[in-house]
């Protein structure tokens, strides 16, 4: 039985090939990122684009929900959205706090509504 025909060898080969293909780009990203100015215009633009993408996706989920979210009343979705925005600003413009906080508010409101 050859190395690649047994289960372990094949999985190990796949793991190594995947890791090598990805780790090169991660290393290049670390090298390139260490030379970026965190307060520079490029980084501010990237931050603004990321914030706009998240805002667009959250707005779409609130206004045009799909799946189980469509069963949640609009008032609950809008109140959770407003609470997420408030948490975003309360946490010093922390995007993660706003998104996670809004999601938790939505979950708690839906549980209280049901």
N, C-alpha and C. Protein backbone atom coordinates (compact mmCIF):
# COMPACT_ATOMS: atom_id res chain seq x y z
N UNK A 1 0.85 -1.16 0.00
CA UNK A 1 0.00 0.00 0.00
C UNK A 1 0.90 1.23 0.00
N UNK A 2 0.66 2.17 -0.91
CA UNK A 2 1.52 3.34 -1.00
C UNK A 2 1.08 4.41 -0.01
N UNK A 3 1.92 5.43 0.10
CA UNK A 3 1.71 6.51 1.05
C UNK A 3 0.40 7.25 0.77
N UNK A 4 0.08 7.50 -0.50
CA UNK A 4 -1.11 8.28 -0.85
C UNK A 4 -2.38 7.45 -0.83
N UNK A 5 -2.27 6.12 -0.87
CA UNK A 5 -3.47 5.30 -0.93
C UNK A 5 -4.09 5.05 0.42
N UNK A 6 -3.31 5.09 1.48
CA UNK A 6 -3.94 4.95 2.79
C UNK A 6 -4.55 6.30 3.18
N UNK A 7 -5.47 6.33 4.09
CA UNK A 7 -6.20 7.54 4.44
C UNK A 7 -5.32 8.65 4.98
N UNK A 8 -4.39 8.32 5.83
CA UNK A 8 -3.56 9.33 6.49
C UNK A 8 -2.66 10.05 5.50
N UNK A 9 -2.04 9.33 4.61
CA UNK A 9 -1.13 9.96 3.65
C UNK A 9 -1.84 10.92 2.71
N UNK A 10 -3.01 10.54 2.25
CA UNK A 10 -3.77 11.41 1.36
C UNK A 10 -4.22 12.69 2.05
N UNK A 11 -4.70 12.54 3.28
CA UNK A 11 -5.13 13.73 4.02
C UNK A 11 -3.95 14.62 4.37
N UNK A 12 -2.82 14.01 4.71
CA UNK A 12 -1.63 14.79 5.02
C UNK A 12 -1.15 15.55 3.78
N UNK A 13 -1.20 14.92 2.64
CA UNK A 13 -0.80 15.58 1.40
C UNK A 13 -1.73 16.76 1.09
N UNK A 14 -3.03 16.55 1.23
CA UNK A 14 -3.99 17.64 1.00
C UNK A 14 -3.76 18.79 1.97
N UNK A 15 -3.53 18.47 3.23
CA UNK A 15 -3.29 19.49 4.24
C UNK A 15 -2.03 20.30 3.92
N UNK A 16 -0.96 19.62 3.58
CA UNK A 16 0.29 20.32 3.28
C UNK A 16 0.16 21.18 2.03
N UNK A 17 -0.49 20.67 1.00
CA UNK A 17 -0.67 21.45 -0.23
C UNK A 17 -1.52 22.68 0.04
N UNK A 18 -2.58 22.53 0.80
CA UNK A 18 -3.43 23.67 1.14
C UNK A 18 -2.73 24.67 2.01
N UNK A 19 -1.99 24.19 3.00
CA UNK A 19 -1.27 25.09 3.90
C UNK A 19 -0.19 25.86 3.15
N UNK A 20 0.55 25.18 2.31
CA UNK A 20 1.61 25.88 1.56
C UNK A 20 1.03 26.92 0.61
N UNK A 21 -0.08 26.60 -0.02
CA UNK A 21 -0.68 27.56 -0.95
C UNK A 21 -1.20 28.80 -0.22
N UNK A 22 -1.69 28.64 0.99
CA UNK A 22 -2.25 29.77 1.72
C UNK A 22 -1.22 30.52 2.54
N UNK A 23 -0.30 29.82 3.13
CA UNK A 23 0.66 30.46 4.03
C UNK A 23 1.58 31.43 3.30
N UNK A 24 1.87 31.17 2.04
CA UNK A 24 2.72 32.09 1.27
C UNK A 24 2.03 33.45 1.19
N UNK A 25 0.74 33.45 0.87
CA UNK A 25 0.01 34.71 0.74
C UNK A 25 -0.17 35.39 2.09
N UNK A 26 -0.35 34.61 3.14
CA UNK A 26 -0.46 35.21 4.47
C UNK A 26 0.86 35.86 4.87
N UNK A 27 1.96 35.22 4.57
CA UNK A 27 3.27 35.78 4.89
C UNK A 27 3.50 37.06 4.09
N UNK A 28 3.15 37.04 2.81
CA UNK A 28 3.29 38.26 2.00
C UNK A 28 2.38 39.37 2.52
N UNK A 29 1.21 39.04 3.00
CA UNK A 29 0.31 40.03 3.59
C UNK A 29 0.88 40.64 4.86
N UNK A 30 1.52 39.82 5.68
CA UNK A 30 2.15 40.33 6.90
C UNK A 30 3.30 41.27 6.55
N UNK A 31 4.10 40.88 5.59
CA UNK A 31 5.23 41.73 5.18
C UNK A 31 4.73 43.06 4.61
N UNK A 32 3.74 42.98 3.71
CA UNK A 32 3.21 44.20 3.11
C UNK A 32 2.47 45.05 4.15
N UNK A 33 1.74 44.41 5.05
CA UNK A 33 0.98 45.12 6.06
C UNK A 33 1.84 45.81 7.10
N UNK A 34 3.02 45.29 7.33
CA UNK A 34 3.89 45.92 8.33
C UNK A 34 4.42 47.26 7.85
N UNK A 35 4.33 47.52 6.56
CA UNK A 35 4.81 48.79 6.01
C UNK A 35 3.68 49.78 5.76
N UNK A 36 2.45 49.42 6.10
CA UNK A 36 1.32 50.33 5.89
C UNK A 36 1.19 51.29 7.06
N UNK A 37 0.84 52.52 6.75
CA UNK A 37 0.58 53.51 7.77
C UNK A 37 -0.88 53.37 8.20
N UNK A 38 -1.11 53.02 9.46
CA UNK A 38 -2.47 52.78 9.95
C UNK A 38 -3.35 54.03 9.87
N UNK A 39 -2.76 55.20 9.88
CA UNK A 39 -3.51 56.45 9.80
C UNK A 39 -3.45 57.06 8.41
N UNK A 40 -2.90 56.34 7.45
CA UNK A 40 -2.77 56.84 6.09
C UNK A 40 -4.08 56.81 5.34
N UNK A 41 -4.11 57.47 4.19
CA UNK A 41 -5.32 57.57 3.39
C UNK A 41 -5.77 56.22 2.84
N UNK A 42 -4.84 55.37 2.45
CA UNK A 42 -5.20 54.07 1.92
C UNK A 42 -5.93 53.24 2.97
N UNK A 43 -5.40 53.21 4.16
CA UNK A 43 -6.01 52.40 5.22
C UNK A 43 -7.36 52.98 5.63
N UNK A 44 -7.49 54.29 5.66
CA UNK A 44 -8.78 54.92 5.97
C UNK A 44 -9.81 54.57 4.90
N UNK A 45 -9.38 54.52 3.63
CA UNK A 45 -10.29 54.16 2.55
C UNK A 45 -10.75 52.71 2.69
N UNK A 46 -9.82 51.82 3.00
CA UNK A 46 -10.16 50.41 3.18
C UNK A 46 -11.16 50.26 4.33
N UNK A 47 -10.92 50.97 5.42
CA UNK A 47 -11.84 50.93 6.55
C UNK A 47 -13.22 51.44 6.17
N UNK A 48 -13.27 52.52 5.40
CA UNK A 48 -14.54 53.09 4.98
C UNK A 48 -15.30 52.14 4.06
N UNK A 49 -14.60 51.48 3.16
CA UNK A 49 -15.25 50.51 2.25
C UNK A 49 -15.79 49.33 3.05
N UNK A 50 -15.02 48.84 4.00
CA UNK A 50 -15.49 47.72 4.82
C UNK A 50 -16.72 48.12 5.62
N UNK A 51 -16.71 49.31 6.18
CA UNK A 51 -17.86 49.79 6.94
C UNK A 51 -19.08 49.95 6.04
N UNK A 52 -18.89 50.46 4.84
CA UNK A 52 -20.01 50.62 3.90
C UNK A 52 -20.59 49.28 3.48
N UNK A 53 -19.73 48.27 3.27
CA UNK A 53 -20.22 46.94 2.90
C UNK A 53 -21.06 46.33 4.01
N UNK A 54 -20.58 46.44 5.24
CA UNK A 54 -21.34 45.89 6.36
C UNK A 54 -22.66 46.64 6.53
N UNK A 55 -22.62 47.97 6.39
CA UNK A 55 -23.86 48.76 6.52
C UNK A 55 -24.86 48.37 5.44
N UNK A 56 -24.39 48.16 4.23
CA UNK A 56 -25.28 47.77 3.15
C UNK A 56 -25.90 46.39 3.38
N UNK A 57 -25.09 45.46 3.83
CA UNK A 57 -25.60 44.11 4.08
C UNK A 57 -26.60 44.08 5.23
N UNK A 58 -26.30 44.82 6.29
CA UNK A 58 -27.21 44.86 7.44
C UNK A 58 -28.51 45.55 7.04
N UNK A 59 -28.41 46.64 6.28
CA UNK A 59 -29.62 47.34 5.83
C UNK A 59 -30.48 46.43 4.96
N UNK A 60 -29.85 45.67 4.10
CA UNK A 60 -30.60 44.74 3.26
C UNK A 60 -31.30 43.69 4.11
N UNK A 61 -30.62 43.17 5.13
CA UNK A 61 -31.24 42.16 5.99
C UNK A 61 -32.40 42.75 6.79
N UNK A 62 -32.30 44.02 7.18
CA UNK A 62 -33.37 44.63 7.95
C UNK A 62 -34.58 44.93 7.06
N UNK A 63 -34.34 45.51 5.90
CA UNK A 63 -35.43 45.96 5.05
C UNK A 63 -35.99 44.87 4.13
N UNK A 64 -35.15 43.97 3.66
CA UNK A 64 -35.57 42.91 2.74
C UNK A 64 -35.08 41.56 3.26
N UNK A 65 -35.62 41.09 4.39
CA UNK A 65 -35.12 39.85 4.99
C UNK A 65 -35.51 38.62 4.19
N UNK A 66 -34.74 37.58 4.39
CA UNK A 66 -35.01 36.29 3.74
C UNK A 66 -35.03 35.21 4.81
N UNK A 67 -35.68 34.14 4.53
CA UNK A 67 -35.70 33.00 5.43
C UNK A 67 -36.46 33.29 6.72
N UNK A 68 -35.93 32.81 7.82
CA UNK A 68 -36.59 32.95 9.12
C UNK A 68 -36.68 34.41 9.57
N UNK A 69 -35.75 35.24 9.12
CA UNK A 69 -35.77 36.65 9.51
C UNK A 69 -36.99 37.37 8.94
N UNK A 70 -37.55 36.86 7.86
CA UNK A 70 -38.73 37.48 7.27
C UNK A 70 -39.95 37.36 8.18
N UNK A 71 -39.92 36.39 9.10
CA UNK A 71 -41.03 36.21 10.03
C UNK A 71 -40.96 37.18 11.21
N UNK A 72 -39.83 37.83 11.41
CA UNK A 72 -39.67 38.78 12.51
C UNK A 72 -40.32 40.10 12.08
N UNK A 73 -41.17 40.68 12.94
CA UNK A 73 -41.83 41.94 12.57
C UNK A 73 -40.81 43.05 12.29
N UNK A 74 -41.20 43.96 11.38
CA UNK A 74 -40.32 45.06 10.99
C UNK A 74 -39.94 45.93 12.17
N UNK A 75 -40.86 46.15 13.10
CA UNK A 75 -40.58 47.00 14.27
C UNK A 75 -39.43 46.42 15.11
N UNK A 76 -39.42 45.12 15.27
CA UNK A 76 -38.34 44.47 16.04
C UNK A 76 -37.03 44.59 15.29
N UNK A 77 -37.06 44.38 13.98
CA UNK A 77 -35.82 44.50 13.20
C UNK A 77 -35.28 45.92 13.25
N UNK A 78 -36.15 46.91 13.12
CA UNK A 78 -35.70 48.31 13.16
C UNK A 78 -35.20 48.71 14.54
N UNK A 79 -35.86 48.24 15.60
CA UNK A 79 -35.41 48.55 16.95
C UNK A 79 -34.04 47.91 17.23
N UNK A 80 -33.85 46.70 16.78
CA UNK A 80 -32.55 46.03 16.96
C UNK A 80 -31.46 46.73 16.16
N UNK A 81 -31.82 47.19 14.96
CA UNK A 81 -30.88 47.94 14.13
C UNK A 81 -30.47 49.24 14.83
N UNK A 82 -31.44 49.96 15.38
CA UNK A 82 -31.15 51.20 16.10
C UNK A 82 -30.29 50.92 17.34
N UNK A 83 -30.61 49.83 18.03
CA UNK A 83 -29.79 49.45 19.18
C UNK A 83 -28.36 49.10 18.79
N UNK A 84 -28.20 48.44 17.64
CA UNK A 84 -26.86 48.13 17.15
C UNK A 84 -26.07 49.38 16.81
N UNK A 85 -26.75 50.37 16.22
CA UNK A 85 -26.08 51.64 15.92
C UNK A 85 -25.67 52.34 17.21
N UNK A 86 -26.56 52.33 18.20
CA UNK A 86 -26.23 52.95 19.49
C UNK A 86 -25.03 52.25 20.13
N UNK A 87 -25.00 50.93 20.07
CA UNK A 87 -23.86 50.19 20.63
C UNK A 87 -22.58 50.47 19.86
N UNK A 88 -22.69 50.63 18.54
CA UNK A 88 -21.53 50.97 17.71
C UNK A 88 -20.89 52.27 18.20
N UNK A 89 -21.71 53.29 18.43
CA UNK A 89 -21.16 54.56 18.89
C UNK A 89 -20.75 54.51 20.37
N UNK A 90 -21.48 53.76 21.19
CA UNK A 90 -21.13 53.64 22.60
C UNK A 90 -19.79 52.93 22.79
N UNK A 91 -19.47 52.03 21.87
CA UNK A 91 -18.21 51.28 21.95
C UNK A 91 -17.11 51.97 21.14
N UNK A 92 -17.22 53.28 20.98
CA UNK A 92 -16.22 54.08 20.26
C UNK A 92 -16.04 53.62 18.82
N UNK A 93 -17.16 53.51 18.12
CA UNK A 93 -17.19 53.15 16.70
C UNK A 93 -16.56 51.79 16.44
N UNK A 94 -16.88 50.83 17.29
CA UNK A 94 -16.41 49.45 17.14
C UNK A 94 -17.45 48.68 16.33
N UNK A 95 -17.08 48.32 15.10
CA UNK A 95 -18.01 47.66 14.19
C UNK A 95 -18.48 46.31 14.74
N UNK A 96 -17.58 45.56 15.31
CA UNK A 96 -17.95 44.25 15.87
C UNK A 96 -18.97 44.37 16.99
N UNK A 97 -18.78 45.35 17.85
CA UNK A 97 -19.73 45.55 18.95
C UNK A 97 -21.10 45.92 18.43
N UNK A 98 -21.15 46.74 17.40
CA UNK A 98 -22.44 47.13 16.84
C UNK A 98 -23.16 45.98 16.18
N UNK A 99 -22.46 45.19 15.39
CA UNK A 99 -23.08 44.08 14.66
C UNK A 99 -23.51 42.97 15.64
N UNK A 100 -22.61 42.59 16.53
CA UNK A 100 -22.94 41.52 17.48
C UNK A 100 -24.02 42.00 18.44
N UNK A 101 -23.91 43.24 18.91
CA UNK A 101 -24.91 43.77 19.83
C UNK A 101 -26.28 43.86 19.19
N UNK A 102 -26.34 44.31 17.94
CA UNK A 102 -27.62 44.35 17.23
C UNK A 102 -28.20 42.97 17.04
N UNK A 103 -27.36 42.00 16.75
CA UNK A 103 -27.82 40.62 16.60
C UNK A 103 -28.37 40.05 17.90
N UNK A 104 -27.68 40.34 18.99
CA UNK A 104 -28.15 39.87 20.31
C UNK A 104 -29.47 40.54 20.67
N UNK A 105 -29.57 41.85 20.40
CA UNK A 105 -30.83 42.55 20.65
C UNK A 105 -31.98 41.95 19.82
N UNK A 106 -31.70 41.62 18.57
CA UNK A 106 -32.71 41.00 17.72
C UNK A 106 -33.14 39.65 18.28
N UNK A 107 -32.19 38.86 18.72
CA UNK A 107 -32.50 37.55 19.28
C UNK A 107 -33.33 37.69 20.55
N UNK A 108 -32.92 38.59 21.44
CA UNK A 108 -33.66 38.76 22.70
C UNK A 108 -35.07 39.31 22.45
N UNK A 109 -35.20 40.26 21.52
CA UNK A 109 -36.52 40.81 21.22
C UNK A 109 -37.42 39.75 20.61
N UNK A 110 -36.87 38.92 19.74
CA UNK A 110 -37.67 37.87 19.12
C UNK A 110 -38.09 36.83 20.15
N UNK A 111 -37.19 36.51 21.08
CA UNK A 111 -37.55 35.55 22.13
C UNK A 111 -38.63 36.12 23.04
N UNK A 112 -38.56 37.42 23.34
CA UNK A 112 -39.57 38.04 24.19
C UNK A 112 -40.89 38.17 23.45
N UNK A 113 -40.87 38.37 22.14
CA UNK A 113 -42.07 38.53 21.33
C UNK A 113 -42.83 37.22 21.19
N UNK A 114 -42.09 36.09 21.10
CA UNK A 114 -42.74 34.80 20.88
C UNK A 114 -43.40 34.26 22.10
